[in-house]
């Protein structure tokens, strides 16, 4: 009886060890499938794409009351200007680097006049902006970042089913354009 208990206990420990080793060996494979990598590898550049099942990006819906859209960009040649109209009751925008780390984040309460207009530039482009001081930047939020590429994630809050169309309309009409005013 005691031998049998020891035998089953030893088998359980060995089996648990095998499962733990297998999980540790599989972590790098699953680590490559995070949301940021999917966005950077699959989305076209400078175009907002709604993140749902049809976009090919498997991001689990952390909050079913939000509609999501993302735009991938590179800052080598020009800055990126993000603007949007028909703003919903609550929206947020975040700039991420290509590894998924937040560089800048804002929402409707921190925006200038509840307006979505963000200019993302690198330090060299920022120096040129300081010299030129274009008029359109008076109402824009300028984000200076040393990253070379990244993405912008827009979120629109859907309070009730009747607001789905306005939130989706906001995400579809948002622009992600190269800023050539430098």
N, C-alpha and C. Protein backbone atom coordinates (compact mmCIF):
# COMPACT_ATOMS: atom_id res chain seq x y z
N UNK A 1 0.83 -1.20 0.00
CA UNK A 1 0.00 0.00 0.00
C UNK A 1 0.87 1.26 0.00
N UNK A 2 1.88 1.29 0.89
CA UNK A 2 2.75 2.46 0.95
C UNK A 2 3.56 2.57 -0.33
N UNK A 3 3.99 1.44 -0.87
CA UNK A 3 4.75 1.46 -2.13
C UNK A 3 3.92 2.04 -3.27
N UNK A 4 2.66 1.65 -3.30
CA UNK A 4 1.78 2.14 -4.35
C UNK A 4 1.58 3.65 -4.23
N UNK A 5 1.38 4.16 -3.03
CA UNK A 5 1.23 5.61 -2.82
C UNK A 5 2.51 6.33 -3.23
N UNK A 6 3.67 5.80 -2.83
CA UNK A 6 4.95 6.41 -3.22
C UNK A 6 5.13 6.36 -4.74
N UNK A 7 4.74 5.24 -5.35
CA UNK A 7 4.87 5.10 -6.79
C UNK A 7 4.00 6.14 -7.51
N UNK A 8 2.73 6.28 -7.12
CA UNK A 8 1.85 7.26 -7.74
C UNK A 8 2.31 8.69 -7.45
N UNK A 9 2.82 8.91 -6.26
CA UNK A 9 3.35 10.24 -5.93
C UNK A 9 4.55 10.59 -6.79
N UNK A 10 5.47 9.64 -6.97
CA UNK A 10 6.64 9.86 -7.82
C UNK A 10 6.23 10.06 -9.27
N UNK A 11 5.26 9.29 -9.76
CA UNK A 11 4.76 9.46 -11.13
C UNK A 11 4.13 10.85 -11.30
N UNK A 12 3.41 11.30 -10.32
CA UNK A 12 2.80 12.64 -10.37
C UNK A 12 3.84 13.74 -10.43
N UNK A 13 4.89 13.62 -9.63
CA UNK A 13 5.97 14.62 -9.63
C UNK A 13 6.69 14.63 -10.97
N UNK A 14 6.98 13.45 -11.53
CA UNK A 14 7.65 13.37 -12.84
C UNK A 14 6.75 13.97 -13.93
N UNK A 15 5.48 13.65 -13.92
CA UNK A 15 4.54 14.19 -14.90
C UNK A 15 4.44 15.71 -14.78
N UNK A 16 4.37 16.22 -13.56
CA UNK A 16 4.32 17.67 -13.34
C UNK A 16 5.59 18.33 -13.86
N UNK A 17 6.73 17.69 -13.65
CA UNK A 17 8.00 18.22 -14.16
C UNK A 17 8.01 18.30 -15.68
N UNK A 18 7.50 17.25 -16.34
CA UNK A 18 7.45 17.24 -17.80
C UNK A 18 6.53 18.35 -18.31
N UNK A 19 5.38 18.53 -17.67
CA UNK A 19 4.44 19.58 -18.09
C UNK A 19 5.08 20.95 -17.91
N UNK A 20 5.77 21.19 -16.82
CA UNK A 20 6.41 22.48 -16.59
C UNK A 20 7.52 22.75 -17.60
N UNK A 21 8.30 21.76 -17.91
CA UNK A 21 9.37 21.92 -18.90
C UNK A 21 8.77 22.22 -20.27
N UNK A 22 7.70 21.51 -20.63
CA UNK A 22 7.05 21.75 -21.93
C UNK A 22 6.50 23.17 -22.01
N UNK A 23 5.91 23.67 -20.95
CA UNK A 23 5.38 25.03 -20.93
C UNK A 23 6.50 26.05 -21.09
N UNK A 24 7.59 25.84 -20.39
CA UNK A 24 8.72 26.76 -20.48
C UNK A 24 9.30 26.78 -21.89
N UNK A 25 9.35 25.64 -22.54
CA UNK A 25 9.87 25.58 -23.90
C UNK A 25 8.91 26.19 -24.92
N UNK A 26 7.62 26.24 -24.63
CA UNK A 26 6.63 26.81 -25.55
C UNK A 26 6.44 28.32 -25.37
N UNK A 27 6.93 28.90 -24.30
CA UNK A 27 6.73 30.33 -24.05
C UNK A 27 7.26 31.20 -25.19
N UNK A 28 8.46 30.98 -25.72
CA UNK A 28 8.91 31.84 -26.83
C UNK A 28 8.00 31.78 -28.05
N UNK A 29 7.41 30.62 -28.31
CA UNK A 29 6.50 30.50 -29.45
C UNK A 29 5.25 31.34 -29.24
N UNK A 30 4.68 31.31 -28.06
CA UNK A 30 3.48 32.09 -27.78
C UNK A 30 3.80 33.57 -27.59
N UNK A 31 5.00 33.90 -27.18
CA UNK A 31 5.39 35.29 -26.98
C UNK A 31 5.46 36.08 -28.28
N UNK A 32 5.58 35.39 -29.40
CA UNK A 32 5.65 36.05 -30.69
C UNK A 32 4.28 36.39 -31.25
N UNK A 33 3.23 36.03 -30.58
CA UNK A 33 1.88 36.25 -31.08
C UNK A 33 1.15 37.34 -30.30
N UNK A 34 1.86 38.26 -29.70
CA UNK A 34 1.19 39.31 -28.94
C UNK A 34 0.53 40.31 -29.89
N UNK A 35 -0.32 41.15 -29.34
CA UNK A 35 -1.11 42.08 -30.15
C UNK A 35 -0.23 43.06 -30.91
N UNK A 36 0.82 43.59 -30.27
CA UNK A 36 1.68 44.56 -30.94
C UNK A 36 2.37 43.94 -32.15
N UNK A 37 2.85 42.75 -32.01
CA UNK A 37 3.53 42.10 -33.14
C UNK A 37 2.55 41.83 -34.27
N UNK A 38 1.34 41.43 -33.95
CA UNK A 38 0.34 41.21 -34.99
C UNK A 38 0.04 42.49 -35.75
N UNK A 39 -0.08 43.60 -35.02
CA UNK A 39 -0.37 44.89 -35.67
C UNK A 39 0.80 45.32 -36.54
N UNK A 40 2.01 45.25 -36.03
CA UNK A 40 3.19 45.69 -36.77
C UNK A 40 3.42 44.84 -38.01
N UNK A 41 3.16 43.54 -37.93
CA UNK A 41 3.44 42.64 -39.04
C UNK A 41 2.33 42.56 -40.08
N UNK A 42 1.08 42.85 -39.71
CA UNK A 42 -0.01 42.61 -40.65
C UNK A 42 -0.69 43.87 -41.18
N UNK A 43 -0.70 44.96 -40.45
CA UNK A 43 -1.43 46.14 -40.91
C UNK A 43 -0.67 46.89 -41.99
N UNK A 44 -1.39 47.47 -42.95
CA UNK A 44 -0.72 48.34 -43.92
C UNK A 44 -0.29 49.64 -43.24
N UNK A 45 0.69 50.27 -43.83
CA UNK A 45 1.23 51.50 -43.25
C UNK A 45 0.31 52.69 -43.57
N UNK A 46 0.15 53.58 -42.60
CA UNK A 46 -0.59 54.84 -42.73
C UNK A 46 -2.04 54.64 -43.17
N UNK A 47 -2.70 53.70 -42.54
CA UNK A 47 -4.11 53.46 -42.82
C UNK A 47 -4.75 52.86 -41.57
N UNK A 48 -5.82 53.50 -41.09
CA UNK A 48 -6.52 52.94 -39.94
C UNK A 48 -7.30 51.70 -40.36
N UNK A 49 -7.13 50.64 -39.61
CA UNK A 49 -7.83 49.39 -39.85
C UNK A 49 -8.56 49.02 -38.58
N UNK A 50 -9.86 48.73 -38.72
CA UNK A 50 -10.65 48.34 -37.56
C UNK A 50 -10.21 46.96 -37.10
N UNK A 51 -9.95 46.83 -35.81
CA UNK A 51 -9.47 45.56 -35.26
C UNK A 51 -10.66 44.71 -34.83
N UNK A 52 -11.02 43.82 -35.71
CA UNK A 52 -12.07 42.86 -35.40
C UNK A 52 -11.69 41.57 -36.10
N UNK A 53 -12.57 40.62 -36.14
CA UNK A 53 -12.25 39.33 -36.73
C UNK A 53 -11.87 39.39 -38.19
N UNK A 54 -12.43 40.34 -38.95
CA UNK A 54 -12.15 40.41 -40.38
C UNK A 54 -10.78 41.02 -40.69
N UNK A 55 -10.15 41.69 -39.72
CA UNK A 55 -8.84 42.30 -39.98
C UNK A 55 -7.71 41.28 -39.92
N UNK A 56 -7.98 40.10 -39.42
CA UNK A 56 -6.94 39.07 -39.33
C UNK A 56 -6.10 39.17 -38.09
N UNK A 57 -6.39 40.10 -37.22
CA UNK A 57 -5.63 40.26 -35.98
C UNK A 57 -6.46 39.69 -34.85
N UNK A 58 -5.89 38.76 -34.14
CA UNK A 58 -6.60 38.06 -33.08
C UNK A 58 -6.33 38.71 -31.73
N UNK A 59 -6.96 39.85 -31.52
CA UNK A 59 -6.84 40.53 -30.24
C UNK A 59 -8.14 40.25 -29.49
N UNK A 60 -8.01 39.64 -28.35
CA UNK A 60 -9.21 39.34 -27.59
C UNK A 60 -9.81 40.65 -27.10
N UNK A 61 -11.12 40.70 -27.11
CA UNK A 61 -11.82 41.91 -26.70
C UNK A 61 -11.75 42.04 -25.19
N UNK A 62 -10.87 42.90 -24.72
CA UNK A 62 -10.73 43.10 -23.28
C UNK A 62 -11.96 43.80 -22.73
N UNK A 63 -12.56 44.66 -23.53
CA UNK A 63 -13.75 45.37 -23.11
C UNK A 63 -14.73 45.41 -24.28
N UNK A 64 -15.85 44.74 -24.16
CA UNK A 64 -16.79 44.69 -25.29
C UNK A 64 -17.46 46.03 -25.58
N UNK A 65 -17.30 47.02 -24.73
CA UNK A 65 -17.91 48.32 -24.95
C UNK A 65 -17.03 49.26 -25.77
N UNK A 66 -15.90 48.78 -26.27
CA UNK A 66 -15.00 49.60 -27.07
C UNK A 66 -14.82 49.01 -28.46
N UNK A 67 -14.81 49.88 -29.44
CA UNK A 67 -14.43 49.52 -30.80
C UNK A 67 -12.99 50.00 -30.98
N UNK A 68 -12.16 49.21 -31.66
CA UNK A 68 -10.73 49.51 -31.79
C UNK A 68 -10.34 49.67 -33.26
N UNK A 69 -9.37 50.55 -33.49
CA UNK A 69 -8.81 50.75 -34.80
C UNK A 69 -7.33 51.09 -34.62
N UNK A 70 -6.48 50.66 -35.56
CA UNK A 70 -5.05 50.90 -35.43
C UNK A 70 -4.46 51.34 -36.76
N UNK A 71 -3.38 52.13 -36.66
CA UNK A 71 -2.65 52.61 -37.83
C UNK A 71 -1.16 52.45 -37.55
N UNK A 72 -0.46 51.79 -38.48
CA UNK A 72 0.98 51.58 -38.34
C UNK A 72 1.71 52.70 -39.07
N UNK A 73 2.86 53.13 -38.53
CA UNK A 73 3.61 54.23 -39.15
C UNK A 73 5.11 54.03 -38.99
N UNK A 74 5.86 54.77 -39.82
CA UNK A 74 7.31 54.86 -39.71
C UNK A 74 7.67 56.34 -39.75
N UNK A 75 8.64 56.75 -38.95
CA UNK A 75 8.99 58.16 -38.83
C UNK A 75 10.28 58.55 -39.55
N UNK A 76 10.75 57.75 -40.48
CA UNK A 76 12.02 58.09 -41.13
C UNK A 76 11.93 59.36 -41.96
N UNK A 77 10.97 59.44 -42.87
CA UNK A 77 10.92 60.55 -43.82
C UNK A 77 10.03 61.70 -43.37
N UNK A 78 8.94 61.41 -42.71
CA UNK A 78 7.99 62.46 -42.32
C UNK A 78 7.32 62.07 -41.02
N UNK A 79 6.75 63.09 -40.37
CA UNK A 79 5.97 62.83 -39.18
C UNK A 79 4.62 62.23 -39.57
N UNK A 80 3.81 61.90 -38.59
CA UNK A 80 2.50 61.32 -38.83
C UNK A 80 1.46 62.21 -38.16
N UNK A 81 0.45 62.59 -38.92
CA UNK A 81 -0.64 63.41 -38.41
C UNK A 81 -1.89 62.55 -38.29
N UNK A 82 -2.45 62.49 -37.11
CA UNK A 82 -3.67 61.73 -36.85
C UNK A 82 -4.76 62.72 -36.53
N UNK A 83 -5.86 62.65 -37.25
CA UNK A 83 -6.99 63.51 -36.92
C UNK A 83 -8.28 62.76 -37.16
N UNK A 84 -9.32 63.24 -36.51
CA UNK A 84 -10.61 62.59 -36.63
C UNK A 84 -11.75 63.54 -36.37
N UNK A 85 -12.89 63.25 -36.99
CA UNK A 85 -14.10 64.03 -36.83
C UNK A 85 -15.21 63.13 -36.29
N UNK A 86 -16.37 63.72 -36.05
CA UNK A 86 -17.53 62.97 -35.55
C UNK A 86 -17.17 62.18 -34.29
N UNK A 87 -16.62 62.87 -33.33
CA UNK A 87 -16.11 62.21 -32.13
C UNK A 87 -17.24 61.64 -31.28
N UNK A 88 -17.07 60.42 -30.79
CA UNK A 88 -18.08 59.83 -29.91
C UNK A 88 -18.00 60.44 -28.51
N UNK A 89 -18.86 59.97 -27.62
CA UNK A 89 -18.89 60.53 -26.26
C UNK A 89 -17.58 60.31 -25.52
N UNK A 90 -16.92 59.19 -25.72
CA UNK A 90 -15.60 58.97 -25.14
C UNK A 90 -14.73 58.27 -26.17
N UNK A 91 -13.53 58.77 -26.32
CA UNK A 91 -12.55 58.15 -27.20
C UNK A 91 -11.19 58.29 -26.56
N UNK A 92 -10.28 57.44 -26.97
CA UNK A 92 -8.90 57.56 -26.51
C UNK A 92 -7.98 57.18 -27.66
N UNK A 93 -6.79 57.75 -27.63
CA UNK A 93 -5.77 57.47 -28.64
C UNK A 93 -4.46 57.24 -27.91
N UNK A 94 -3.71 56.25 -28.36
CA UNK A 94 -2.42 55.96 -27.75
C UNK A 94 -1.41 55.67 -28.85
N UNK A 95 -0.20 56.19 -28.66
CA UNK A 95 0.90 55.94 -29.57
C UNK A 95 1.78 54.88 -28.92
N UNK A 96 2.08 53.82 -29.67
CA UNK A 96 2.89 52.71 -29.19
C UNK A 96 4.13 52.57 -30.06
N UNK A 97 5.21 52.07 -29.48
CA UNK A 97 6.36 51.70 -30.32
C UNK A 97 6.09 50.32 -30.90
N UNK A 98 6.99 49.81 -31.72
CA UNK A 98 6.73 48.54 -32.41
C UNK A 98 6.80 47.33 -31.48
N UNK A 99 7.19 47.51 -30.24
CA UNK A 99 7.18 46.41 -29.26
C UNK A 99 5.95 46.45 -28.37
N UNK A 100 5.07 47.44 -28.57
CA UNK A 100 3.84 47.52 -27.81
C UNK A 100 3.92 48.34 -26.54
N UNK A 101 4.98 49.13 -26.36
CA UNK A 101 5.11 49.99 -25.19
C UNK A 101 4.47 51.34 -25.49
N UNK A 102 3.70 51.85 -24.54
CA UNK A 102 3.01 53.12 -24.73
C UNK A 102 4.01 54.27 -24.71
N UNK A 103 3.94 55.11 -25.74
CA UNK A 103 4.77 56.30 -25.84
C UNK A 103 3.99 57.52 -25.38
N UNK A 104 2.72 57.59 -25.79
CA UNK A 104 1.87 58.72 -25.43
C UNK A 104 0.42 58.25 -25.46
N UNK A 105 -0.39 58.80 -24.58
CA UNK A 105 -1.79 58.43 -24.52
C UNK A 105 -2.62 59.66 -24.18
N UNK A 106 -3.80 59.74 -24.78
CA UNK A 106 -4.71 60.84 -24.48
C UNK A 106 -6.15 60.36 -24.71
N UNK A 107 -7.09 61.16 -24.21
CA UNK A 107 -8.49 60.85 -24.46
C UNK A 107 -9.25 62.15 -24.68
N UNK A 108 -10.57 62.06 -24.77
CA UNK A 108 -11.37 63.23 -25.09
C UNK A 108 -11.26 64.33 -24.02
N UNK A 109 -10.96 63.98 -22.81
CA UNK A 109 -10.86 64.98 -21.74
C UNK A 109 -9.52 65.70 -21.72
N UNK A 110 -8.49 65.09 -22.26
CA UNK A 110 -7.18 65.73 -22.27
C UNK A 110 -6.87 66.38 -23.61
N UNK A 111 -7.74 66.22 -24.59
CA UNK A 111 -7.52 66.80 -25.91
C UNK A 111 -7.85 68.29 -25.90
N UNK A 112 -7.26 69.01 -26.83
CA UNK A 112 -7.54 70.44 -26.97
C UNK A 112 -8.89 70.58 -27.66
N UNK A 113 -9.88 71.11 -26.94
CA UNK A 113 -11.21 71.32 -27.50
C UNK A 113 -11.89 70.04 -27.95
N UNK A 114 -11.65 68.94 -27.26
CA UNK A 114 -12.24 67.64 -27.59
C UNK A 114 -11.99 67.30 -29.06
N UNK A 115 -10.82 67.62 -29.54
CA UNK A 115 -10.47 67.39 -30.94
C UNK A 115 -9.33 66.38 -31.03
N UNK A 116 -9.47 65.44 -31.93
CA UNK A 116 -8.40 64.47 -32.16
C UNK A 116 -7.49 65.01 -33.25
N UNK A 117 -6.34 65.50 -32.85
CA UNK A 117 -5.32 65.93 -33.79
C UNK A 117 -3.97 65.79 -33.11
N UNK A 118 -3.24 64.75 -33.51
CA UNK A 118 -1.94 64.43 -32.91
C UNK A 118 -0.90 64.39 -34.02
N UNK A 119 0.24 65.00 -33.77
CA UNK A 119 1.36 64.94 -34.69
C UNK A 119 2.49 64.19 -33.99
N UNK A 120 2.93 63.09 -34.58
CA UNK A 120 4.02 62.29 -34.02
C UNK A 120 5.26 62.53 -34.87
N UNK A 121 6.34 62.99 -34.21
CA UNK A 121 7.58 63.30 -34.93
C UNK A 121 8.78 62.76 -34.15
N UNK A 122 9.89 62.62 -34.86
CA UNK A 122 11.13 62.24 -34.19
C UNK A 122 11.88 63.51 -33.79
N UNK A 123 12.96 63.43 -33.03
CA UNK A 123 13.64 64.65 -32.55
C UNK A 123 14.15 65.56 -33.67
N UNK A 124 14.61 65.01 -34.78
CA UNK A 124 15.09 65.85 -35.88
C UNK A 124 13.93 66.62 -36.50
N UNK A 125 12.81 65.96 -36.69
CA UNK A 125 11.63 66.63 -37.23
C UNK A 125 11.09 67.68 -36.26
N UNK A 126 11.21 67.43 -34.97
CA UNK A 126 10.76 68.39 -33.96
C UNK A 126 11.61 69.65 -34.02
N UNK A 127 12.91 69.51 -34.22
CA UNK A 127 13.78 70.68 -34.34
C UNK A 127 13.36 71.53 -35.54
N UNK A 128 13.02 70.88 -36.66
CA UNK A 128 12.55 71.61 -37.83
C UNK A 128 11.22 72.30 -37.56
N UNK A 129 10.33 71.64 -36.81
CA UNK A 129 9.04 72.26 -36.47
C UNK A 129 9.23 73.50 -35.60
N UNK A 130 10.16 73.44 -34.68
CA UNK A 130 10.40 74.60 -33.81
C UNK A 130 10.87 75.81 -34.61
N UNK A 131 11.62 75.57 -35.66
CA UNK A 131 12.08 76.68 -36.49
C UNK A 131 10.97 77.23 -37.37
N UNK A 132 10.15 76.35 -37.96
CA UNK A 132 9.10 76.78 -38.89
C UNK A 132 7.85 77.28 -38.18
N UNK A 133 7.47 76.65 -37.11
CA UNK A 133 6.26 76.94 -36.33
C UNK A 133 5.03 77.13 -37.22
N UNK A 134 4.59 76.07 -37.91
CA UNK A 134 3.41 76.18 -38.77
C UNK A 134 2.14 76.43 -37.96
N UNK A 135 1.17 77.09 -38.58
CA UNK A 135 -0.06 77.48 -37.89
C UNK A 135 -0.91 76.29 -37.46
N UNK A 136 -0.94 75.24 -38.26
CA UNK A 136 -1.82 74.11 -37.94
C UNK A 136 -1.41 73.40 -36.66
N UNK A 137 -0.22 73.65 -36.17
CA UNK A 137 0.23 73.00 -34.95
C UNK A 137 -0.29 73.67 -33.68
N UNK A 138 -0.92 74.83 -33.82
CA UNK A 138 -1.47 75.51 -32.65
C UNK A 138 -2.57 74.70 -31.99
N UNK A 139 -3.30 73.92 -32.77
CA UNK A 139 -4.39 73.12 -32.21
C UNK A 139 -4.05 71.64 -32.15
N UNK A 140 -2.83 71.28 -32.49
CA UNK A 140 -2.41 69.88 -32.47
C UNK A 140 -1.61 69.58 -31.22
N UNK A 141 -1.66 68.34 -30.81
CA UNK A 141 -0.79 67.87 -29.76
C UNK A 141 0.40 67.22 -30.44
N UNK A 142 1.60 67.73 -30.14
CA UNK A 142 2.81 67.24 -30.78
C UNK A 142 3.49 66.26 -29.84
N UNK A 143 3.76 65.06 -30.36
CA UNK A 143 4.41 64.02 -29.59
C UNK A 143 5.79 63.79 -30.21
N UNK A 144 6.82 64.13 -29.46
CA UNK A 144 8.18 63.89 -29.92
C UNK A 144 8.65 62.57 -29.31
N UNK A 145 9.13 61.69 -30.18
CA UNK A 145 9.56 60.38 -29.72
C UNK A 145 10.75 59.89 -30.54
N UNK A 146 11.68 59.19 -29.93
CA UNK A 146 12.83 58.68 -30.68
C UNK A 146 12.55 57.38 -31.44
N UNK A 147 11.34 56.87 -31.39
CA UNK A 147 11.07 55.60 -32.06
C UNK A 147 11.10 55.78 -33.58
N UNK A 148 11.41 54.71 -34.28
CA UNK A 148 11.45 54.75 -35.74
C UNK A 148 10.13 54.30 -36.35
N UNK A 149 9.49 53.34 -35.69
CA UNK A 149 8.20 52.88 -36.18
C UNK A 149 7.33 52.47 -35.00
N UNK A 150 6.04 52.46 -35.24
CA UNK A 150 5.10 52.12 -34.18
C UNK A 150 3.69 52.09 -34.74
N UNK A 151 2.72 52.25 -33.85
CA UNK A 151 1.33 52.29 -34.28
C UNK A 151 0.51 53.13 -33.32
N UNK A 152 -0.62 53.60 -33.83
CA UNK A 152 -1.57 54.38 -33.04
C UNK A 152 -2.81 53.52 -32.87
N UNK A 153 -3.31 53.45 -31.65
CA UNK A 153 -4.51 52.69 -31.36
C UNK A 153 -5.60 53.66 -30.95
N UNK A 154 -6.72 53.66 -31.68
CA UNK A 154 -7.88 54.47 -31.33
C UNK A 154 -8.95 53.57 -30.72
N UNK A 155 -9.56 54.07 -29.67
CA UNK A 155 -10.65 53.35 -29.03
C UNK A 155 -11.85 54.27 -28.94
N UNK A 156 -13.01 53.77 -29.30
CA UNK A 156 -14.26 54.53 -29.20
C UNK A 156 -15.22 53.76 -28.31
N UNK A 157 -15.78 54.47 -27.34
CA UNK A 157 -16.69 53.85 -26.37
C UNK A 157 -18.08 53.72 -26.97
N UNK A 158 -18.67 52.54 -26.81
CA UNK A 158 -20.03 52.28 -27.27
C UNK A 158 -20.88 52.03 -26.02
N UNK A 159 -21.60 53.06 -25.61
CA UNK A 159 -22.39 52.98 -24.37
C UNK A 159 -23.58 52.05 -24.53
N UNK A 160 -24.23 52.10 -25.68
CA UNK A 160 -25.39 51.25 -25.93
C UNK A 160 -25.42 50.87 -27.40
N UNK A 161 -26.16 49.88 -27.77
CA UNK A 161 -26.14 49.39 -29.16
C UNK A 161 -26.48 50.45 -30.21
N UNK A 162 -27.24 51.46 -29.85
CA UNK A 162 -27.58 52.48 -30.83
C UNK A 162 -26.40 53.39 -31.18
N UNK A 163 -25.33 53.33 -30.39
CA UNK A 163 -24.16 54.17 -30.64
C UNK A 163 -23.06 53.46 -31.43
N UNK A 164 -23.29 52.22 -31.81
CA UNK A 164 -22.27 51.47 -32.53
C UNK A 164 -21.92 52.15 -33.85
N UNK A 165 -22.93 52.61 -34.58
CA UNK A 165 -22.68 53.23 -35.88
C UNK A 165 -21.85 54.50 -35.77
N UNK A 166 -22.13 55.34 -34.77
CA UNK A 166 -21.35 56.57 -34.62
C UNK A 166 -19.91 56.28 -34.21
N UNK A 167 -19.71 55.29 -33.36
CA UNK A 167 -18.35 54.93 -32.96
C UNK A 167 -17.57 54.33 -34.13
N UNK A 168 -18.20 53.47 -34.88
CA UNK A 168 -17.53 52.90 -36.05
C UNK A 168 -17.28 53.97 -37.10
N UNK A 169 -18.21 54.91 -37.24
CA UNK A 169 -18.02 56.02 -38.17
C UNK A 169 -16.81 56.86 -37.80
N UNK A 170 -16.64 57.12 -36.52
CA UNK A 170 -15.46 57.86 -36.05
C UNK A 170 -14.18 57.13 -36.41
N UNK A 171 -14.15 55.83 -36.17
CA UNK A 171 -12.95 55.05 -36.46
C UNK A 171 -12.68 54.96 -37.96
N UNK A 172 -13.73 54.88 -38.77
CA UNK A 172 -13.55 54.79 -40.21
C UNK A 172 -13.13 56.12 -40.83
N UNK A 173 -13.53 57.24 -40.22
CA UNK A 173 -13.19 58.54 -40.78
C UNK A 173 -11.88 59.11 -40.23
N UNK A 174 -11.30 58.46 -39.28
CA UNK A 174 -10.02 58.94 -38.72
C UNK A 174 -8.94 58.82 -39.79
N UNK A 175 -8.06 59.80 -39.80
CA UNK A 175 -6.97 59.84 -40.79
C UNK A 175 -5.63 59.60 -40.13
N UNK A 176 -4.77 58.94 -40.84
CA UNK A 176 -3.40 58.68 -40.43
C UNK A 176 -2.54 59.04 -41.63
N UNK A 177 -2.05 60.27 -41.67
CA UNK A 177 -1.40 60.81 -42.86
C UNK A 177 0.04 61.21 -42.58
N UNK A 178 0.89 61.14 -43.59
CA UNK A 178 2.24 61.66 -43.40
C UNK A 178 2.18 63.18 -43.30
N UNK A 179 2.92 63.74 -42.38
CA UNK A 179 2.95 65.21 -42.22
C UNK A 179 4.13 65.73 -42.98
N UNK A 180 3.86 66.46 -44.05
CA UNK A 180 4.92 66.96 -44.93
C UNK A 180 5.16 68.45 -44.72
N UNK A 181 4.59 69.04 -43.70
CA UNK A 181 4.76 70.47 -43.45
C UNK A 181 6.08 70.84 -42.80
N UNK A 182 6.99 69.89 -42.69
CA UNK A 182 8.28 70.16 -42.04
C UNK A 182 9.27 70.59 -43.10
